[in-house]
Amino acid sequence: MMEWQPIETIPTNGEEVLVFRPLAYKTNDPIITIAKTETENRWCWPETVPEGVSPTNPTNRACHVSHWMPLPPPPKDAA
């Protein structure tokens, strides 16, 4: 069973993962999305960073991610 993991444990090998962005609604973005992980942090929109938290962005397009989880496997009958 997959569970949400703290952002501190996100892989940095370029894989795609599900990410949870609790304040993404402030920029009209989805709070859960697929993102590709990166090895460096990027700049984030201030509106998406919870108070008292560093504006980290360990993905290619998702600020501020608080949790992540691996993508589920595709359906068995998928082509």
C-alpha atoms as a PDB file:
ATOM      1  CA  MET A   1       0.000   0.000   0.000  1.00  0.00           C
ATOM      2  CA  MET A   2       1.386   3.383  -0.964  1.00  0.00           C
ATOM      3  CA  GLU A   3       1.214   6.244   1.497  1.00  0.00           C
ATOM      4  CA  TRP A   4       2.109   9.934   1.402  1.00  0.00           C
ATOM      5  CA  GLN A   5       5.720  10.536   2.427  1.00  0.00           C
ATOM      6  CA  PRO A   6       7.281  13.737   3.833  1.00  0.00           C
ATOM      7  CA  ILE A   7       8.929  15.918   1.200  1.00  0.00           C
ATOM      8  CA  GLU A   8      12.323  15.447   2.846  1.00  0.00           C
ATOM      9  CA  THR A   9      12.312  11.866   1.529  1.00  0.00           C
ATOM     10  CA  ILE A  10      11.500  12.648  -2.126  1.00  0.00           C
ATOM     11  CA  PRO A  11      13.873  10.959  -4.604  1.00  0.00           C
ATOM     12  CA  THR A  12      16.017  13.205  -6.808  1.00  0.00           C
ATOM     13  CA  ASN A  13      16.565  10.788  -9.688  1.00  0.00           C
ATOM     14  CA  GLY A  14      14.188  12.356 -12.206  1.00  0.00           C
ATOM     15  CA  GLU A  15      11.296   9.941 -11.698  1.00  0.00           C
ATOM     16  CA  GLU A  16       7.689  11.075 -11.875  1.00  0.00           C
ATOM     17  CA  VAL A  17       5.768  11.021  -8.594  1.00  0.00           C
ATOM     18  CA  LEU A  18       2.498  12.300  -7.167  1.00  0.00           C
ATOM     19  CA  VAL A  19       2.953  15.472  -5.131  1.00  0.00           C
ATOM     20  CA  PHE A  20       0.687  17.236  -2.634  1.00  0.00           C
ATOM     21  CA  ARG A  21       0.722  21.048  -2.574  1.00  0.00           C
ATOM     22  CA  PRO A  22      -1.530  22.260   0.272  1.00  0.00           C
ATOM     23  CA  LEU A  23      -1.610  25.912  -0.826  1.00  0.00           C
ATOM     24  CA  ALA A  24      -1.681  25.443  -4.610  1.00  0.00           C
ATOM     25  CA  TYR A  25      -5.282  26.642  -4.738  1.00  0.00           C
ATOM     26  CA  LYS A  26      -3.915  30.149  -4.108  1.00  0.00           C
ATOM     27  CA  THR A  27      -2.435  30.142  -7.612  1.00  0.00           C
ATOM     28  CA  ASN A  28      -5.350  28.191  -9.149  1.00  0.00           C
ATOM     29  CA  ASP A  29      -3.219  25.065  -9.477  1.00  0.00           C
ATOM     30  CA  PRO A  30      -4.206  21.498  -8.485  1.00  0.00           C
ATOM     31  CA  ILE A  31      -3.225  20.460  -4.966  1.00  0.00           C
ATOM     32  CA  ILE A  32      -2.307  16.949  -6.174  1.00  0.00           C
ATOM     33  CA  THR A  33      -0.387  16.553  -9.425  1.00  0.00           C
ATOM     34  CA  ILE A  34       2.279  14.466 -11.157  1.00  0.00           C
ATOM     35  CA  ALA A  35       5.731  16.041 -11.155  1.00  0.00           C
ATOM     36  CA  LYS A  36       9.221  14.990 -12.145  1.00  0.00           C
ATOM     37  CA  THR A  37      11.758  15.110  -9.320  1.00  0.00           C
ATOM     38  CA  GLU A  38      14.929  17.191  -9.574  1.00  0.00           C
ATOM     39  CA  THR A  39      18.218  17.382  -7.734  1.00  0.00           C
ATOM     40  CA  GLU A  40      18.016  21.098  -6.931  1.00  0.00           C
ATOM     41  CA  ASN A  41      15.428  23.387  -5.417  1.00  0.00           C
ATOM     42  CA  ARG A  42      13.776  26.014  -7.589  1.00  0.00           C
ATOM     43  CA  TRP A  43      12.066  29.296  -6.791  1.00  0.00           C
ATOM     44  CA  CYS A  44       8.436  29.108  -5.629  1.00  0.00           C
ATOM     45  CA  TRP A  45       5.466  31.469  -5.712  1.00  0.00           C
ATOM     46  CA  PRO A  46       5.246  33.072  -2.235  1.00  0.00           C
ATOM     47  CA  GLU A  47       1.482  32.339  -2.136  1.00  0.00           C
ATOM     48  CA  THR A  48       2.118  28.602  -2.178  1.00  0.00           C
ATOM     49  CA  VAL A  49       4.564  28.539   0.741  1.00  0.00           C
ATOM     50  CA  PRO A  50       3.031  27.931   4.184  1.00  0.00           C
ATOM     51  CA  GLU A  51       4.049  30.413   6.891  1.00  0.00           C
ATOM     52  CA  GLY A  52       7.336  29.473   8.529  1.00  0.00           C
ATOM     53  CA  VAL A  53       8.357  27.004   5.793  1.00  0.00           C
ATOM     54  CA  SER A  54      11.265  27.314   3.361  1.00  0.00           C
ATOM     55  CA  PRO A  55      10.135  27.804  -0.267  1.00  0.00           C
ATOM     56  CA  THR A  56      11.596  24.548  -1.576  1.00  0.00           C
ATOM     57  CA  ASN A  57      10.744  23.092  -4.952  1.00  0.00           C
ATOM     58  CA  PRO A  58      12.362  19.677  -5.513  1.00  0.00           C
ATOM     59  CA  THR A  59      10.315  19.085  -8.668  1.00  0.00           C
ATOM     60  CA  ASN A  60      10.141  20.450 -12.184  1.00  0.00           C
ATOM     61  CA  ARG A  61       6.935  22.431 -11.695  1.00  0.00           C
ATOM     62  CA  ALA A  62       5.354  22.080  -8.274  1.00  0.00           C
ATOM     63  CA  CYS A  63       5.701  24.609  -5.423  1.00  0.00           C
ATOM     64  CA  HIS A  64       5.464  24.154  -2.324  1.00  0.00           C
ATOM     65  CA  VAL A  65       5.260  20.385  -2.112  1.00  0.00           C
ATOM     66  CA  SER A  66       4.727  19.069   1.402  1.00  0.00           C
ATOM     67  CA  HIS A  67       4.301  15.333   0.603  1.00  0.00           C
ATOM     68  CA  TRP A  68       4.900  12.874  -2.221  1.00  0.00           C
ATOM     69  CA  MET A  69       4.175   9.251  -3.145  1.00  0.00           C
ATOM     70  CA  PRO A  70       5.193   6.922  -5.984  1.00  0.00           C
ATOM     71  CA  LEU A  71       2.862   6.658  -8.942  1.00  0.00           C
ATOM     72  CA  PRO A  72       0.661   3.577  -8.797  1.00  0.00           C
ATOM     73  CA  PRO A  73       1.299   0.859 -11.374  1.00  0.00           C
ATOM     74  CA  PRO A  74      -0.822   1.038 -14.533  1.00  0.00           C
ATOM     75  CA  PRO A  75      -3.852  -1.237 -14.863  1.00  0.00           C
ATOM     76  CA  LYS A  76      -2.989  -4.833 -15.717  1.00  0.00           C
ATOM     77  CA  ASP A  77      -5.013  -4.736 -18.924  1.00  0.00           C
ATOM     78  CA  ALA A  78      -3.483  -1.447 -20.147  1.00  0.00           C
ATOM     79  CA  ALA A  79      -1.812  -1.636 -23.525  1.00  0.00           C
END
